[in-house]
């Protein structure tokens, strides 16, 4: 029987293969897509971490040897009153 982790890994792998095939037809790679997204995300959030309490807490606790998985956090660039 397949575990939840194995099922999740299979879903991620299938999605990556689907993206790679679609981008190959356009003469690009899925890495091109994610590179553009990363640049946009960095520009839109670089100012918002300076006073974010959660980010400041994580930054004070995490070392270069650690990994952090931020699932579904989105990008909060403005606080909603």
C-alpha atoms as a PDB file:
ATOM      1  CA  UNK A   1       0.000   0.000   0.000  1.00  0.00           C
ATOM      2  CA  UNK A   2       1.265   3.436  -0.965  1.00  0.00           C
ATOM      3  CA  UNK A   3       1.938   5.876   1.874  1.00  0.00           C
ATOM      4  CA  UNK A   4       0.800   9.485   1.848  1.00  0.00           C
ATOM      5  CA  UNK A   5       4.412  10.606   1.378  1.00  0.00           C
ATOM      6  CA  UNK A   6       4.868   8.273  -1.589  1.00  0.00           C
ATOM      7  CA  UNK A   7       1.612   9.501  -3.116  1.00  0.00           C
ATOM      8  CA  UNK A   8       2.660  13.133  -2.651  1.00  0.00           C
ATOM      9  CA  UNK A   9       6.056  12.431  -4.245  1.00  0.00           C
ATOM     10  CA  UNK A  10       4.340  10.769  -7.217  1.00  0.00           C
ATOM     11  CA  UNK A  11       2.043  13.776  -7.664  1.00  0.00           C
ATOM     12  CA  UNK A  12       4.991  16.182  -7.580  1.00  0.00           C
ATOM     13  CA  UNK A  13       6.957  14.043 -10.053  1.00  0.00           C
ATOM     14  CA  UNK A  14       4.007  13.785 -12.449  1.00  0.00           C
ATOM     15  CA  UNK A  15       3.475  17.544 -12.300  1.00  0.00           C
ATOM     16  CA  UNK A  16       7.163  18.201 -12.985  1.00  0.00           C
ATOM     17  CA  UNK A  17       7.090  15.878 -16.003  1.00  0.00           C
ATOM     18  CA  UNK A  18       3.946  17.604 -17.289  1.00  0.00           C
ATOM     19  CA  UNK A  19       5.534  21.049 -16.948  1.00  0.00           C
ATOM     20  CA  UNK A  20       8.781  19.899 -18.554  1.00  0.00           C
ATOM     21  CA  UNK A  21       6.904  18.484 -21.557  1.00  0.00           C
ATOM     22  CA  UNK A  22       4.804  21.628 -21.980  1.00  0.00           C
ATOM     23  CA  UNK A  23       7.809  23.941 -21.787  1.00  0.00           C
ATOM     24  CA  UNK A  24       9.866  21.741 -24.110  1.00  0.00           C
ATOM     25  CA  UNK A  25       7.230  22.317 -26.792  1.00  0.00           C
ATOM     26  CA  UNK A  26       7.838  26.066 -26.335  1.00  0.00           C
ATOM     27  CA  UNK A  27      11.627  25.702 -26.465  1.00  0.00           C
ATOM     28  CA  UNK A  28      11.988  26.516 -22.769  1.00  0.00           C
ATOM     29  CA  UNK A  29      12.340  24.636 -19.518  1.00  0.00           C
ATOM     30  CA  UNK A  30      10.266  24.629 -16.369  1.00  0.00           C
ATOM     31  CA  UNK A  31      13.317  26.131 -14.653  1.00  0.00           C
ATOM     32  CA  UNK A  32      12.792  29.249 -16.802  1.00  0.00           C
ATOM     33  CA  UNK A  33       9.280  29.562 -15.388  1.00  0.00           C
ATOM     34  CA  UNK A  34      10.431  29.207 -11.781  1.00  0.00           C
ATOM     35  CA  UNK A  35      13.345  31.605 -12.292  1.00  0.00           C
ATOM     36  CA  UNK A  36      10.938  34.310 -13.465  1.00  0.00           C
ATOM     37  CA  UNK A  37       8.606  33.579 -10.546  1.00  0.00           C
ATOM     38  CA  UNK A  38      11.478  33.734  -8.045  1.00  0.00           C
ATOM     39  CA  UNK A  39      12.645  37.128  -9.336  1.00  0.00           C
ATOM     40  CA  UNK A  40       9.103  38.531  -9.184  1.00  0.00           C
ATOM     41  CA  UNK A  41       8.537  37.098  -5.705  1.00  0.00           C
ATOM     42  CA  UNK A  42      11.810  38.556  -4.419  1.00  0.00           C
ATOM     43  CA  UNK A  43      10.946  42.023  -5.759  1.00  0.00           C
ATOM     44  CA  UNK A  44       7.459  41.916  -4.258  1.00  0.00           C
ATOM     45  CA  UNK A  45       8.507  40.734  -0.796  1.00  0.00           C
ATOM     46  CA  UNK A  46      11.995  42.073  -0.103  1.00  0.00           C
ATOM     47  CA  UNK A  47      10.660  45.016   1.921  1.00  0.00           C
ATOM     48  CA  UNK A  48       8.003  43.042   3.814  1.00  0.00           C
ATOM     49  CA  UNK A  49      10.325  40.850   5.898  1.00  0.00           C
ATOM     50  CA  UNK A  50      12.006  43.693   7.781  1.00  0.00           C
ATOM     51  CA  UNK A  51       9.219  43.936  10.367  1.00  0.00           C
ATOM     52  CA  UNK A  52       7.503  40.555  10.012  1.00  0.00           C
ATOM     53  CA  UNK A  53       7.522  38.938  13.495  1.00  0.00           C
ATOM     54  CA  UNK A  54       7.312  35.387  12.147  1.00  0.00           C
ATOM     55  CA  UNK A  55      10.200  35.910   9.728  1.00  0.00           C
ATOM     56  CA  UNK A  56      12.318  37.555  12.416  1.00  0.00           C
ATOM     57  CA  UNK A  57      11.679  34.617  14.784  1.00  0.00           C
ATOM     58  CA  UNK A  58      12.530  32.044  12.124  1.00  0.00           C
ATOM     59  CA  UNK A  59      15.641  33.966  11.093  1.00  0.00           C
ATOM     60  CA  UNK A  60      16.864  34.001  14.697  1.00  0.00           C
ATOM     61  CA  UNK A  61      16.311  30.231  15.103  1.00  0.00           C
ATOM     62  CA  UNK A  62      17.372  28.743  11.773  1.00  0.00           C
ATOM     63  CA  UNK A  63      21.001  27.966  11.016  1.00  0.00           C
ATOM     64  CA  UNK A  64      22.587  27.450   7.573  1.00  0.00           C
ATOM     65  CA  UNK A  65      22.605  23.701   8.254  1.00  0.00           C
ATOM     66  CA  UNK A  66      18.801  23.587   8.658  1.00  0.00           C
ATOM     67  CA  UNK A  67      15.940  23.482   6.169  1.00  0.00           C
ATOM     68  CA  UNK A  68      12.566  25.167   6.505  1.00  0.00           C
ATOM     69  CA  UNK A  69       9.481  24.118   4.600  1.00  0.00           C
ATOM     70  CA  UNK A  70       6.925  26.890   4.229  1.00  0.00           C
ATOM     71  CA  UNK A  71       3.795  25.220   2.854  1.00  0.00           C
ATOM     72  CA  UNK A  72       1.062  27.368   1.388  1.00  0.00           C
ATOM     73  CA  UNK A  73       2.172  30.586   3.019  1.00  0.00           C
ATOM     74  CA  UNK A  74       1.695  32.780  -0.026  1.00  0.00           C
ATOM     75  CA  UNK A  75       3.135  36.249  -0.005  1.00  0.00           C
ATOM     76  CA  UNK A  76       1.808  38.782   2.400  1.00  0.00           C
ATOM     77  CA  UNK A  77       3.176  42.117   1.315  1.00  0.00           C
ATOM     78  CA  UNK A  78       0.694  44.254   3.270  1.00  0.00           C
ATOM     79  CA  UNK A  79      -1.010  43.767   6.592  1.00  0.00           C
ATOM     80  CA  UNK A  80      -4.779  43.807   6.532  1.00  0.00           C
ATOM     81  CA  UNK A  81      -6.211  45.927   9.369  1.00  0.00           C
END
